[in-house]
Structure formats: C-alpha cells, structure tokens
Amino acid sequence: MANSGYTHSMQKKAFSPIGLSRKPFGEYELQTLGDEKTYISFVAEKSAYVHQICIDGQDLLLNYATAAELNENLWYRNHALLPFPNRLFEGKYKCNNQPLSFEINDKGSSSALHGFGSFASFKVERFELTERTGKVKLVYLHRPVEHLESYPFLVQFEVELAVDLDSKTITWGMSAMNLGGTSAPVGLGWHPYFALPKGGDWRIQFPPNQKIDLNNSIPTGKRLQGLSSKQPERIEAGWDDCFALLDPQDLEVLLVGKAYSLSLKQVGTTRYTQLYVPGDRGSIAIEPMTCGVNAFVEAEKEVLLEPQGIISTGMKMQVTNKDA
C-alpha cells in the first residue's frame, strides 16, 4: 500500500518508543525522528534544514523559530551545503573547459557563498524504524537544466539522518553521486549552529589540524598553526576560520561545557572543518566539509567526481551529561 510517497521497512512494535511524526511549520512540514528525549527534526525541501537535535534531553541547535525566518535564511543555519560549501571567489570556475559562474551573494568577499543555499529541494525517499533505531533518507536529484550557467551536471545528493536510542547518538550524513557522462565538481558540507548556553565556560578541542590562511575570506595558499588537539581551548567571539584536518583516522571535535560535553565525530570524506562564532558567543557553527574555500578553482583533485563517483561527509553526535 502506498504511504504518502514513502517506502519503509518496519520491525517496531506498538510499544516501541521511536517514531516519525509530522506537523505544520508555516507552509512546510516539520518531521521528527526519535523519542521524547533523543530526536532530530527537519524540513526536507529547504536544503534538508535540521530544525532541532536533542540528545538525552539536551537541545543542541540554534535554529529558525518560524518558517518566515527559515525563508529569510540569514545565516544558513543547519542547512546542507551543496554543490560546494563556503566561498567561490567571484562565483567563477571552469569544468570540462566550460566557463561557469554562480551569482555573487556575499558581496563583502566578492564570492558565491554555499552553492544553492536553501533552494535544494530534498524529498523523503525512505525511512526505516526498529525498536531502538531509526533512519530517514532524503534525496535531491539535480538535473543540468536547473542551473545551466552555473552547474550543468546530473548529480544525486542524499542526506541520511539516523537516531540510535541505545547509544544515544544522532548521525547526520550527506553523499553525492555523479550520474552524468562527464566529470563534475562536487563539494559537500553542513552548517549546524550549536547553542552555547550562557555560563557554560565553553571550550573546544580539535583533531590534528592546520589553519588555512585567508585574506578577505579567500585562501592565500599558506597554512598556519591550528587549534590544539591536546586540550580544549576557550571559544572566542569572532572566529571565522577554516581548518585542514591532518589525520583521516582522527576527525573528532569536542565541545566542552559545565553541564555537558558534545562529541562530534566527523566521518566520510571530510577534509576540512569551518568554525564560525557570532559576536554574542551564543552559538558556534562547526561545519564538516569535503573541500576547502574556493575549491572549485584551487583544489580540483578534492572536488572532481568521475561518472559514478561518490563523495560523502557527516557527523556523529553524542552528549555526555556531567551530572550523569
């Protein structure tokens, strides 16, 4: 029997705590996967926007309170970033000897920022529920006709959201496959804003890294000393930096506060992490990325996918409550 466009495998019983629910969010549908203490909620059609992540009772994200704020999308909060994260200087690049360009939407750096923005319309393709786990797969098939002058490539993007009640983890993942007949540039990222409640004395510990030297948000080609991988450092207002990750076997970022710590284990082809801290220090964007800044121009090897090629990024999140 058809089920509102979903296919699903379901082994849960009536008493199972995990579920998938839906409710209106302005003109959109807000869907929630999990139980009352550990869950993820999302709006698929707005670049797989994640509205909230709650793990063991801790709300983790700074989000958009209304659909109007989501439509305005001032800070790309909690969006999937595709077909490139971060900036593309002057919006211009070449692929297969064809000059292409995205619209400049960050005038301060004369760049195109975050690819399609919030206009990648994902759809729920499948969900899977067992008694203690749940997964949702979101799909966006990009056809060349959608962006002939900026991105004329046939690429399928997928976002998978997973909840595990036993381990109290939530995993966000995104992948892309080149379905066309020629090579295509692809970079993936996620833009979650993690809330930093006041009085938490928040600190961050990074995996082995180097800081990318930037001039007006564009790389100079130099690498600098990065953040400590040995001990947590105090989070500073105004950070807006990109870090190259040096050990593909060690990609964990750790946020440490007084009430709880948050483990963010980056996965897949994650090569960089961008940090952004607003002036009020009320949140921090920790952005896993498969490529760096201006990668369509400066890092062809990181972004070019051959036909049937796949690239991925992701983040597995787990909370440790200090009073547990």
C-alpha atoms as a PDB file:
ATOM      1  CA  MET A   1       0.000   0.000   0.000  1.00  0.00           C
ATOM      2  CA  ALA A   2       1.263   3.462  -0.846  1.00  0.00           C
ATOM      3  CA  ASN A   3       2.202   5.607   2.152  1.00  0.00           C
ATOM      4  CA  SER A   4       2.394   9.313   1.194  1.00  0.00           C
ATOM      5  CA  GLY A   5       5.344   8.682  -1.130  1.00  0.00           C
ATOM      6  CA  TYR A   6       7.386   6.809   1.475  1.00  0.00           C
ATOM      7  CA  THR A   7       8.701   3.302   1.352  1.00  0.00           C
ATOM      8  CA  HIS A   8       9.800   1.838   4.625  1.00  0.00           C
ATOM      9  CA  SER A   9      10.978  -1.269   6.377  1.00  0.00           C
ATOM     10  CA  MET A  10       9.408  -1.536   9.795  1.00  0.00           C
ATOM     11  CA  GLN A  11      10.116  -4.016  12.550  1.00  0.00           C
ATOM     12  CA  LYS A  12       8.916  -1.942  15.506  1.00  0.00           C
ATOM     13  CA  LYS A  13       6.037  -2.961  17.731  1.00  0.00           C
ATOM     14  CA  ALA A  14       3.286  -0.813  19.183  1.00  0.00           C
ATOM     15  CA  PHE A  15       5.204  -0.209  22.429  1.00  0.00           C
ATOM     16  CA  SER A  16       8.398   0.941  20.650  1.00  0.00           C
ATOM     17  CA  PRO A  17       9.436   4.462  21.783  1.00  0.00           C
ATOM     18  CA  ILE A  18      10.893   5.535  18.451  1.00  0.00           C
ATOM     19  CA  GLY A  19       8.755   7.014  15.710  1.00  0.00           C
ATOM     20  CA  LEU A  20       8.452   9.507  12.850  1.00  0.00           C
ATOM     21  CA  SER A  21       5.953  12.325  13.312  1.00  0.00           C
ATOM     22  CA  ARG A  22       4.878  15.295  11.190  1.00  0.00           C
ATOM     23  CA  LYS A  23       3.390  18.708  11.935  1.00  0.00           C
ATOM     24  CA  PRO A  24       2.985  22.022  10.079  1.00  0.00           C
ATOM     25  CA  PHE A  25       5.817  24.574  10.178  1.00  0.00           C
ATOM     26  CA  GLY A  26       4.360  27.546   8.329  1.00  0.00           C
ATOM     27  CA  GLU A  27       3.970  26.438   4.723  1.00  0.00           C
ATOM     28  CA  TYR A  28       6.304  23.485   5.322  1.00  0.00           C
ATOM     29  CA  GLU A  29       6.124  20.128   7.050  1.00  0.00           C
ATOM     30  CA  LEU A  30       8.361  19.590  10.064  1.00  0.00           C
ATOM     31  CA  GLN A  31       9.193  15.927  10.554  1.00  0.00           C
ATOM     32  CA  THR A  32      10.688  14.447  13.712  1.00  0.00           C
ATOM     33  CA  LEU A  33      12.506  11.136  14.135  1.00  0.00           C
ATOM     34  CA  GLY A  34      13.186   9.677  17.593  1.00  0.00           C
ATOM     35  CA  ASP A  35      11.572   9.634  21.028  1.00  0.00           C
ATOM     36  CA  GLU A  36      10.818  12.360  23.582  1.00  0.00           C
ATOM     37  CA  LYS A  37      14.462  12.728  24.769  1.00  0.00           C
ATOM     38  CA  THR A  38      16.567  11.913  21.703  1.00  0.00           C
ATOM     39  CA  TYR A  39      15.357  13.099  18.314  1.00  0.00           C
ATOM     40  CA  ILE A  40      16.085  15.084  15.168  1.00  0.00           C
ATOM     41  CA  SER A  41      13.546  17.279  13.360  1.00  0.00           C
ATOM     42  CA  PHE A  42      13.884  18.585   9.816  1.00  0.00           C
ATOM     43  CA  VAL A  43      12.312  20.322   6.814  1.00  0.00           C
ATOM     44  CA  ALA A  44      13.355  18.317   3.760  1.00  0.00           C
ATOM     45  CA  GLU A  45      12.522  20.779   0.980  1.00  0.00           C
ATOM     46  CA  LYS A  46      14.713  23.612   2.336  1.00  0.00           C
ATOM     47  CA  SER A  47      18.132  22.060   1.711  1.00  0.00           C
ATOM     48  CA  ALA A  48      17.402  19.385   4.317  1.00  0.00           C
ATOM     49  CA  TYR A  49      17.231  22.028   7.052  1.00  0.00           C
ATOM     50  CA  VAL A  50      17.641  20.488  10.516  1.00  0.00           C
ATOM     51  CA  HIS A  51      15.376  22.304  12.958  1.00  0.00           C
ATOM     52  CA  GLN A  52      16.465  20.635  16.170  1.00  0.00           C
ATOM     53  CA  ILE A  53      18.684  17.913  17.542  1.00  0.00           C
ATOM     54  CA  CYS A  54      18.021  16.737  21.077  1.00  0.00           C
ATOM     55  CA  ILE A  55      20.183  14.061  22.702  1.00  0.00           C
ATOM     56  CA  ASP A  56      19.337  12.703  26.133  1.00  0.00           C
ATOM     57  CA  GLY A  57      17.254  15.785  26.858  1.00  0.00           C
ATOM     58  CA  GLN A  58      19.824  18.370  25.688  1.00  0.00           C
ATOM     59  CA  ASP A  59      18.627  20.682  22.885  1.00  0.00           C
ATOM     60  CA  LEU A  60      21.731  21.291  20.799  1.00  0.00           C
ATOM     61  CA  LEU A  61      20.932  23.628  17.914  1.00  0.00           C
ATOM     62  CA  LEU A  62      20.265  27.317  17.412  1.00  0.00           C
ATOM     63  CA  ASN A  63      17.537  27.292  14.783  1.00  0.00           C
ATOM     64  CA  TYR A  64      14.946  29.415  12.987  1.00  0.00           C
ATOM     65  CA  ALA A  65      11.914  29.881  15.214  1.00  0.00           C
ATOM     66  CA  THR A  66       9.465  30.387  12.324  1.00  0.00           C
ATOM     67  CA  ALA A  67       9.042  29.487   8.681  1.00  0.00           C
ATOM     68  CA  ALA A  68       9.436  33.187   7.849  1.00  0.00           C
ATOM     69  CA  GLU A  69      12.907  33.155   9.437  1.00  0.00           C
ATOM     70  CA  LEU A  70      13.724  29.972   7.549  1.00  0.00           C
ATOM     71  CA  ASN A  71      12.723  31.629   4.280  1.00  0.00           C
ATOM     72  CA  GLU A  72      14.849  34.673   5.086  1.00  0.00           C
ATOM     73  CA  ASN A  73      17.761  32.359   5.923  1.00  0.00           C
ATOM     74  CA  LEU A  74      20.189  34.998   7.156  1.00  0.00           C
ATOM     75  CA  TRP A  75      22.879  32.616   8.407  1.00  0.00           C
ATOM     76  CA  TYR A  76      22.304  29.299   6.554  1.00  0.00           C
ATOM     77  CA  ARG A  77      21.597  27.735   9.933  1.00  0.00           C
ATOM     78  CA  ASN A  78      21.620  23.935   9.924  1.00  0.00           C
ATOM     79  CA  HIS A  79      21.412  23.594   6.115  1.00  0.00           C
ATOM     80  CA  ALA A  80      23.076  21.044   3.884  1.00  0.00           C
ATOM     81  CA  LEU A  81      25.647  22.855   1.717  1.00  0.00           C
ATOM     82  CA  LEU A  82      25.899  21.835  -1.951  1.00  0.00           C
ATOM     83  CA  PRO A  83      27.294  21.603  -4.558  1.00  0.00           C
ATOM     84  CA  PHE A  84      30.026  23.430  -2.631  1.00  0.00           C
ATOM     85  CA  PRO A  85      30.383  24.712   0.929  1.00  0.00           C
ATOM     86  CA  ASN A  86      31.959  28.025   1.864  1.00  0.00           C
ATOM     87  CA  ARG A  87      33.023  30.525  -0.813  1.00  0.00           C
ATOM     88  CA  LEU A  88      33.762  30.524  -4.535  1.00  0.00           C
ATOM     89  CA  PHE A  89      35.674  33.713  -5.389  1.00  0.00           C
ATOM     90  CA  GLU A  90      33.750  35.878  -7.879  1.00  0.00           C
ATOM     91  CA  GLY A  91      31.475  32.859  -8.389  1.00  0.00           C
ATOM     92  CA  LYS A  92      33.579  31.753 -11.385  1.00  0.00           C
ATOM     93  CA  TYR A  93      35.166  28.430 -12.269  1.00  0.00           C
ATOM     94  CA  LYS A  94      35.780  26.101 -15.217  1.00  0.00           C
ATOM     95  CA  CYS A  95      34.931  22.439 -15.659  1.00  0.00           C
ATOM     96  CA  ASN A  96      35.488  20.324 -18.769  1.00  0.00           C
ATOM     97  CA  ASN A  97      36.848  23.509 -20.432  1.00  0.00           C
ATOM     98  CA  GLN A  98      33.483  25.227 -19.903  1.00  0.00           C
ATOM     99  CA  PRO A  99      33.389  28.589 -18.060  1.00  0.00           C
ATOM    100  CA  LEU A 100      30.638  28.620 -15.435  1.00  0.00           C
ATOM    101  CA  SER A 101      29.519  31.056 -12.752  1.00  0.00           C
ATOM    102  CA  PHE A 102      27.328  31.282  -9.663  1.00  0.00           C
ATOM    103  CA  GLU A 103      25.685  34.513  -8.593  1.00  0.00           C
ATOM    104  CA  ILE A 104      27.706  36.547  -6.094  1.00  0.00           C
ATOM    105  CA  ASN A 105      25.712  36.582  -2.853  1.00  0.00           C
ATOM    106  CA  ASP A 106      28.488  37.562  -0.431  1.00  0.00           C
ATOM    107  CA  LYS A 107      29.491  40.993  -1.625  1.00  0.00           C
ATOM    108  CA  GLY A 108      31.961  41.536   1.216  1.00  0.00           C
ATOM    109  CA  SER A 109      34.265  38.847  -0.189  1.00  0.00           C
ATOM    110  CA  SER A 110      33.065  39.135  -3.821  1.00  0.00           C
ATOM    111  CA  SER A 111      32.083  35.480  -3.672  1.00  0.00           C
ATOM    112  CA  ALA A 112      29.314  32.996  -4.225  1.00  0.00           C
ATOM    113  CA  LEU A 113      28.503  31.505  -0.828  1.00  0.00           C
ATOM    114  CA  HIS A 114      27.248  27.975  -0.059  1.00  0.00           C
ATOM    115  CA  GLY A 115      26.172  26.923  -3.536  1.00  0.00           C
ATOM    116  CA  PHE A 116      22.403  26.510  -3.895  1.00  0.00           C
ATOM    117  CA  GLY A 117      21.754  27.961  -0.430  1.00  0.00           C
ATOM    118  CA  SER A 118      18.349  26.866   0.838  1.00  0.00           C
ATOM    119  CA  PHE A 119      16.978  26.076  -2.618  1.00  0.00           C
ATOM    120  CA  ALA A 120      17.899  22.403  -2.890  1.00  0.00           C
ATOM    121  CA  SER A 121      14.534  20.699  -2.593  1.00  0.00           C
ATOM    122  CA  PHE A 122      15.088  17.315  -0.961  1.00  0.00           C
ATOM    123  CA  LYS A 123      12.345  14.729  -0.689  1.00  0.00           C
ATOM    124  CA  VAL A 124      11.968  11.881   1.786  1.00  0.00           C
ATOM    125  CA  GLU A 125      12.622   8.676  -0.122  1.00  0.00           C
ATOM    126  CA  ARG A 126      12.695   6.095   2.661  1.00  0.00           C
ATOM    127  CA  PHE A 127      12.565   5.643   6.387  1.00  0.00           C
ATOM    128  CA  GLU A 128      13.484   2.609   8.455  1.00  0.00           C
ATOM    129  CA  LEU A 129      12.367   2.016  12.041  1.00  0.00           C
ATOM    130  CA  THR A 130      13.257  -0.720  14.504  1.00  0.00           C
ATOM    131  CA  GLU A 131      12.517  -0.794  18.209  1.00  0.00           C
ATOM    132  CA  ARG A 132      15.582   1.314  19.111  1.00  0.00           C
ATOM    133  CA  THR A 133      16.864   2.859  15.872  1.00  0.00           C
ATOM    134  CA  GLY A 134      15.524   4.997  13.068  1.00  0.00           C
ATOM    135  CA  LYS A 135      16.831   6.284   9.738  1.00  0.00           C
ATOM    136  CA  VAL A 136      15.463   8.719   7.170  1.00  0.00           C
ATOM    137  CA  LYS A 137      16.897   9.108   3.678  1.00  0.00           C
ATOM    138  CA  LEU A 138      16.375  12.413   1.825  1.00  0.00           C
ATOM    139  CA  VAL A 139      17.167  12.728  -1.879  1.00  0.00           C
ATOM    140  CA  TYR A 140      17.703  15.648  -4.252  1.00  0.00           C
ATOM    141  CA  LEU A 141      18.368  14.811  -7.916  1.00  0.00           C
ATOM    142  CA  HIS A 142      19.982  17.814  -9.558  1.00  0.00           C
ATOM    143  CA  ARG A 143      19.392  17.984 -13.296  1.00  0.00           C
ATOM    144  CA  PRO A 144      21.555  20.138 -15.609  1.00  0.00           C
ATOM    145  CA  VAL A 145      18.583  22.209 -16.790  1.00  0.00           C
ATOM    146  CA  GLU A 146      18.122  23.615 -13.280  1.00  0.00           C
ATOM    147  CA  HIS A 147      21.349  25.647 -13.375  1.00  0.00           C
ATOM    148  CA  LEU A 148      22.681  25.641 -16.948  1.00  0.00           C
ATOM    149  CA  GLU A 149      25.028  28.592 -16.448  1.00  0.00           C
ATOM    150  CA  SER A 150      26.317  27.654 -13.018  1.00  0.00           C
ATOM    151  CA  TYR A 151      26.062  23.891 -12.540  1.00  0.00           C
ATOM    152  CA  PRO A 152      25.008  21.869 -15.612  1.00  0.00           C
ATOM    153  CA  PHE A 153      25.603  18.460 -14.049  1.00  0.00           C
ATOM    154  CA  LEU A 154      23.495  15.419 -13.252  1.00  0.00           C
ATOM    155  CA  VAL A 155      24.253  14.661  -9.611  1.00  0.00           C
ATOM    156  CA  GLN A 156      22.204  12.895  -6.950  1.00  0.00           C
ATOM    157  CA  PHE A 157      22.580  14.257  -3.419  1.00  0.00           C
ATOM    158  CA  GLU A 158      21.428  12.234  -0.421  1.00  0.00           C
ATOM    159  CA  VAL A 159      21.104  13.154   3.245  1.00  0.00           C
ATOM    160  CA  GLU A 160      20.680  10.424   5.848  1.00  0.00           C
ATOM    161  CA  LEU A 161      19.556  11.124   9.401  1.00  0.00           C
ATOM    162  CA  ALA A 162      19.926   8.374  11.984  1.00  0.00           C
ATOM    163  CA  VAL A 163      18.891   8.003  15.635  1.00  0.00           C
ATOM    164  CA  ASP A 164      20.148   5.274  17.967  1.00  0.00           C
ATOM    165  CA  LEU A 165      18.438   5.254  21.358  1.00  0.00           C
ATOM    166  CA  ASP A 166      20.769   2.689  22.918  1.00  0.00           C
ATOM    167  CA  SER A 167      23.981   4.608  22.228  1.00  0.00           C
ATOM    168  CA  LYS A 168      22.148   7.958  22.490  1.00  0.00           C
ATOM    169  CA  THR A 169      23.668   9.137  19.222  1.00  0.00           C
ATOM    170  CA  ILE A 170      22.372  11.060  16.245  1.00  0.00           C
ATOM    171  CA  THR A 171      24.189  10.945  12.921  1.00  0.00           C
ATOM    172  CA  TRP A 172      23.886  13.410  10.049  1.00  0.00           C
ATOM    173  CA  GLY A 173      25.390  12.300   6.744  1.00  0.00           C
ATOM    174  CA  MET A 174      25.407  13.507   3.140  1.00  0.00           C
ATOM    175  CA  SER A 175      26.696  11.907  -0.038  1.00  0.00           C
ATOM    176  CA  ALA A 176      26.698  12.701  -3.738  1.00  0.00           C
ATOM    177  CA  MET A 177      26.977  10.539  -6.851  1.00  0.00           C
ATOM    178  CA  ASN A 178      27.831  11.828 -10.325  1.00  0.00           C
ATOM    179  CA  LEU A 179      25.189  10.314 -12.617  1.00  0.00           C
ATOM    180  CA  GLY A 180      26.356  12.166 -15.724  1.00  0.00           C
ATOM    181  CA  GLY A 181      28.674  11.121 -18.513  1.00  0.00           C
ATOM    182  CA  THR A 182      31.465  13.612 -17.748  1.00  0.00           C
ATOM    183  CA  SER A 183      33.356  14.638 -14.636  1.00  0.00           C
ATOM    184  CA  ALA A 184      31.536  17.017 -12.271  1.00  0.00           C
ATOM    185  CA  PRO A 185      32.802  19.172  -9.390  1.00  0.00           C
ATOM    186  CA  VAL A 186      31.171  18.376  -6.042  1.00  0.00           C
ATOM    187  CA  GLY A 187      31.832  19.680  -2.562  1.00  0.00           C
ATOM    188  CA  LEU A 188      29.638  18.879   0.432  1.00  0.00           C
ATOM    189  CA  GLY A 189      29.171  20.433   3.843  1.00  0.00           C
ATOM    190  CA  TRP A 190      26.777  21.016   6.699  1.00  0.00           C
ATOM    191  CA  HIS A 191      26.188  24.270   8.594  1.00  0.00           C
ATOM    192  CA  PRO A 192      24.949  23.372  12.104  1.00  0.00           C
ATOM    193  CA  TYR A 193      24.865  26.101  14.752  1.00  0.00           C
ATOM    194  CA  PHE A 194      25.408  24.501  18.142  1.00  0.00           C
ATOM    195  CA  ALA A 195      23.965  26.514  21.036  1.00  0.00           C
ATOM    196  CA  LEU A 196      26.356  27.656  23.773  1.00  0.00           C
ATOM    197  CA  PRO A 197      24.174  28.369  26.825  1.00  0.00           C
ATOM    198  CA  LYS A 198      25.412  31.281  28.921  1.00  0.00           C
ATOM    199  CA  GLY A 199      27.636  30.498  31.865  1.00  0.00           C
ATOM    200  CA  GLY A 200      28.863  27.270  30.311  1.00  0.00           C
ATOM    201  CA  ASP A 201      32.527  28.345  30.015  1.00  0.00           C
ATOM    202  CA  TRP A 202      32.571  26.651  26.619  1.00  0.00           C
ATOM    203  CA  ARG A 203      35.755  25.249  25.174  1.00  0.00           C
ATOM    204  CA  ILE A 204      36.636  23.290  22.044  1.00  0.00           C
ATOM    205  CA  GLN A 205      39.190  20.599  21.244  1.00  0.00           C
ATOM    206  CA  PHE A 206      40.072  19.822  17.642  1.00  0.00           C
ATOM    207  CA  PRO A 207      41.631  16.826  15.904  1.00  0.00           C
ATOM    208  CA  PRO A 208      45.114  17.394  14.380  1.00  0.00           C
ATOM    209  CA  ASN A 209      44.778  20.394  12.078  1.00  0.00           C
ATOM    210  CA  GLN A 210      46.275  23.391  10.353  1.00  0.00           C
ATOM    211  CA  LYS A 211      44.581  26.754   9.940  1.00  0.00           C
ATOM    212  CA  ILE A 212      44.053  27.947   6.369  1.00  0.00           C
ATOM    213  CA  ASP A 213      45.415  31.475   5.958  1.00  0.00           C
ATOM    214  CA  LEU A 214      42.690  33.681   4.498  1.00  0.00           C
ATOM    215  CA  ASN A 215      42.672  37.185   3.036  1.00  0.00           C
ATOM    216  CA  ASN A 216      39.155  38.605   2.873  1.00  0.00           C
ATOM    217  CA  SER A 217      37.850  35.044   3.357  1.00  0.00           C
ATOM    218  CA  ILE A 218      39.821  33.644   0.381  1.00  0.00           C
ATOM    219  CA  PRO A 219      42.902  31.368   0.815  1.00  0.00           C
ATOM    220  CA  THR A 220      46.376  32.859   0.371  1.00  0.00           C
ATOM    221  CA  GLY A 221      47.976  29.448  -0.127  1.00  0.00           C
ATOM    222  CA  LYS A 222      49.612  29.406   3.313  1.00  0.00           C
ATOM    223  CA  ARG A 223      48.838  27.178   6.279  1.00  0.00           C
ATOM    224  CA  LEU A 224      49.247  28.291   9.882  1.00  0.00           C
ATOM    225  CA  GLN A 225      49.285  26.687  13.300  1.00  0.00           C
ATOM    226  CA  GLY A 226      45.789  25.495  14.125  1.00  0.00           C
ATOM    227  CA  LEU A 227      43.828  24.773  17.275  1.00  0.00           C
ATOM    228  CA  SER A 228      45.125  22.453  19.960  1.00  0.00           C
ATOM    229  CA  SER A 229      44.449  18.742  19.573  1.00  0.00           C
ATOM    230  CA  LYS A 230      45.824  18.089  23.095  1.00  0.00           C
ATOM    231  CA  GLN A 231      43.449  20.088  25.296  1.00  0.00           C
ATOM    232  CA  PRO A 232      40.288  22.206  24.982  1.00  0.00           C
ATOM    233  CA  GLU A 233      40.690  25.911  24.133  1.00  0.00           C
ATOM    234  CA  ARG A 234      38.334  28.721  25.121  1.00  0.00           C
ATOM    235  CA  ILE A 235      35.913  29.649  22.339  1.00  0.00           C
ATOM    236  CA  GLU A 236      36.446  33.217  21.166  1.00  0.00           C
ATOM    237  CA  ALA A 237      33.895  35.581  19.629  1.00  0.00           C
ATOM    238  CA  GLY A 238      34.508  36.440  16.003  1.00  0.00           C
ATOM    239  CA  TRP A 239      36.145  33.206  14.909  1.00  0.00           C
ATOM    240  CA  ASP A 240      35.516  32.597  11.201  1.00  0.00           C
ATOM    241  CA  ASP A 241      38.242  30.184  10.186  1.00  0.00           C
ATOM    242  CA  CYS A 242      38.828  27.106   8.051  1.00  0.00           C
ATOM    243  CA  PHE A 243      40.972  24.225   9.274  1.00  0.00           C
ATOM    244  CA  ALA A 244      42.528  21.429   7.228  1.00  0.00           C
ATOM    245  CA  LEU A 245      42.267  18.068   9.009  1.00  0.00           C
ATOM    246  CA  LEU A 246      45.557  16.161   9.016  1.00  0.00           C
ATOM    247  CA  ASP A 247      44.596  12.651  10.174  1.00  0.00           C
ATOM    248  CA  PRO A 248      41.674  10.929   8.412  1.00  0.00           C
ATOM    249  CA  GLN A 249      41.503   8.474  11.328  1.00  0.00           C
ATOM    250  CA  ASP A 250      41.059  11.259  13.900  1.00  0.00           C
ATOM    251  CA  LEU A 251      38.241  13.659  12.988  1.00  0.00           C
ATOM    252  CA  GLU A 252      36.536  14.190  16.357  1.00  0.00           C
ATOM    253  CA  VAL A 253      35.701  17.697  17.572  1.00  0.00           C
ATOM    254  CA  LEU A 254      34.828  18.007  21.252  1.00  0.00           C
ATOM    255  CA  LEU A 255      32.713  20.811  22.726  1.00  0.00           C
ATOM    256  CA  VAL A 256      33.146  21.034  26.493  1.00  0.00           C
ATOM    257  CA  GLY A 257      30.821  22.949  28.820  1.00  0.00           C
ATOM    258  CA  LYS A 258      29.984  22.899  32.521  1.00  0.00           C
ATOM    259  CA  ALA A 259      26.745  20.920  32.164  1.00  0.00           C
ATOM    260  CA  TYR A 260      27.691  18.572  29.333  1.00  0.00           C
ATOM    261  CA  SER A 261      30.215  17.815  26.616  1.00  0.00           C
ATOM    262  CA  LEU A 262      29.358  17.105  22.998  1.00  0.00           C
ATOM    263  CA  SER A 263      31.337  14.702  20.827  1.00  0.00           C
ATOM    264  CA  LEU A 264      31.196  15.493  17.095  1.00  0.00           C
ATOM    265  CA  LYS A 265      32.825  12.664  15.143  1.00  0.00           C
ATOM    266  CA  GLN A 266      33.203  13.723  11.532  1.00  0.00           C
ATOM    267  CA  VAL A 267      33.054  10.888   9.004  1.00  0.00           C
ATOM    268  CA  GLY A 268      33.285  10.149   5.290  1.00  0.00           C
ATOM    269  CA  THR A 269      35.497  12.227   3.001  1.00  0.00           C
ATOM    270  CA  THR A 270      35.641  15.104   5.470  1.00  0.00           C
ATOM    271  CA  ARG A 271      38.892  17.009   4.899  1.00  0.00           C
ATOM    272  CA  TYR A 272      38.141  20.414   6.463  1.00  0.00           C
ATOM    273  CA  THR A 273      36.156  21.967   9.285  1.00  0.00           C
ATOM    274  CA  GLN A 274      34.982  25.580   9.296  1.00  0.00           C
ATOM    275  CA  LEU A 275      34.335  27.375  12.589  1.00  0.00           C
ATOM    276  CA  TYR A 276      32.201  30.467  12.966  1.00  0.00           C
ATOM    277  CA  VAL A 277      31.356  32.162  16.270  1.00  0.00           C
ATOM    278  CA  PRO A 278      28.923  35.129  16.284  1.00  0.00           C
ATOM    279  CA  GLY A 279      29.814  38.156  18.365  1.00  0.00           C
ATOM    280  CA  ASP A 280      27.489  37.217  21.219  1.00  0.00           C
ATOM    281  CA  ARG A 281      29.194  33.807  21.667  1.00  0.00           C
ATOM    282  CA  GLY A 282      25.742  32.277  21.992  1.00  0.00           C
ATOM    283  CA  SER A 283      26.438  29.612  19.377  1.00  0.00           C
ATOM    284  CA  ILE A 284      29.175  28.094  17.256  1.00  0.00           C
ATOM    285  CA  ALA A 285      28.924  26.781  13.700  1.00  0.00           C
ATOM    286  CA  ILE A 286      31.076  23.663  13.294  1.00  0.00           C
ATOM    287  CA  GLU A 287      30.942  22.738   9.634  1.00  0.00           C
ATOM    288  CA  PRO A 288      32.281  19.442   8.229  1.00  0.00           C
ATOM    289  CA  MET A 289      33.355  19.874   4.597  1.00  0.00           C
ATOM    290  CA  THR A 290      34.784  17.625   1.897  1.00  0.00           C
ATOM    291  CA  CYS A 291      36.676  20.555   0.378  1.00  0.00           C
ATOM    292  CA  GLY A 292      38.109  23.895   1.415  1.00  0.00           C
ATOM    293  CA  VAL A 293      37.416  27.501   0.460  1.00  0.00           C
ATOM    294  CA  ASN A 294      37.340  28.299  -3.292  1.00  0.00           C
ATOM    295  CA  ALA A 295      37.914  24.611  -4.021  1.00  0.00           C
ATOM    296  CA  PHE A 296      36.267  24.619  -7.470  1.00  0.00           C
ATOM    297  CA  VAL A 297      39.202  26.801  -8.561  1.00  0.00           C
ATOM    298  CA  GLU A 298      42.078  25.874  -6.250  1.00  0.00           C
ATOM    299  CA  ALA A 299      41.591  22.197  -5.389  1.00  0.00           C
ATOM    300  CA  GLU A 300      40.363  20.304  -8.438  1.00  0.00           C
ATOM    301  CA  LYS A 301      41.526  16.951  -7.066  1.00  0.00           C
ATOM    302  CA  GLU A 302      39.321  17.400  -3.999  1.00  0.00           C
ATOM    303  CA  VAL A 303      36.129  18.111  -5.914  1.00  0.00           C
ATOM    304  CA  LEU A 304      36.166  16.389  -9.316  1.00  0.00           C
ATOM    305  CA  LEU A 305      33.950  13.306  -9.423  1.00  0.00           C
ATOM    306  CA  GLU A 306      34.181  10.963 -12.378  1.00  0.00           C
ATOM    307  CA  PRO A 307      30.970   9.318 -13.654  1.00  0.00           C
ATOM    308  CA  GLN A 308      29.510   7.090 -10.921  1.00  0.00           C
ATOM    309  CA  GLY A 309      31.957   8.584  -8.424  1.00  0.00           C
ATOM    310  CA  ILE A 310      30.765   9.133  -4.836  1.00  0.00           C
ATOM    311  CA  ILE A 311      31.824  11.558  -2.111  1.00  0.00           C
ATOM    312  CA  SER A 312      30.482  11.937   1.430  1.00  0.00           C
ATOM    313  CA  THR A 313      30.680  13.813   4.695  1.00  0.00           C
ATOM    314  CA  GLY A 314      28.917  13.527   8.017  1.00  0.00           C
ATOM    315  CA  MET A 315      28.912  13.945  11.770  1.00  0.00           C
ATOM    316  CA  LYS A 316      28.032  11.537  14.588  1.00  0.00           C
ATOM    317  CA  MET A 317      26.888  13.382  17.727  1.00  0.00           C
ATOM    318  CA  GLN A 318      26.854  12.168  21.313  1.00  0.00           C
ATOM    319  CA  VAL A 319      26.265  14.011  24.608  1.00  0.00           C
ATOM    320  CA  THR A 320      27.918  13.250  27.935  1.00  0.00           C
ATOM    321  CA  ASN A 321      25.997  14.896  30.796  1.00  0.00           C
ATOM    322  CA  LYS A 322      28.310  15.965  33.637  1.00  0.00           C
ATOM    323  CA  ASP A 323      25.749  15.141  36.336  1.00  0.00           C
ATOM    324  CA  ALA A 324      25.008  11.670  34.988  1.00  0.00           C
END
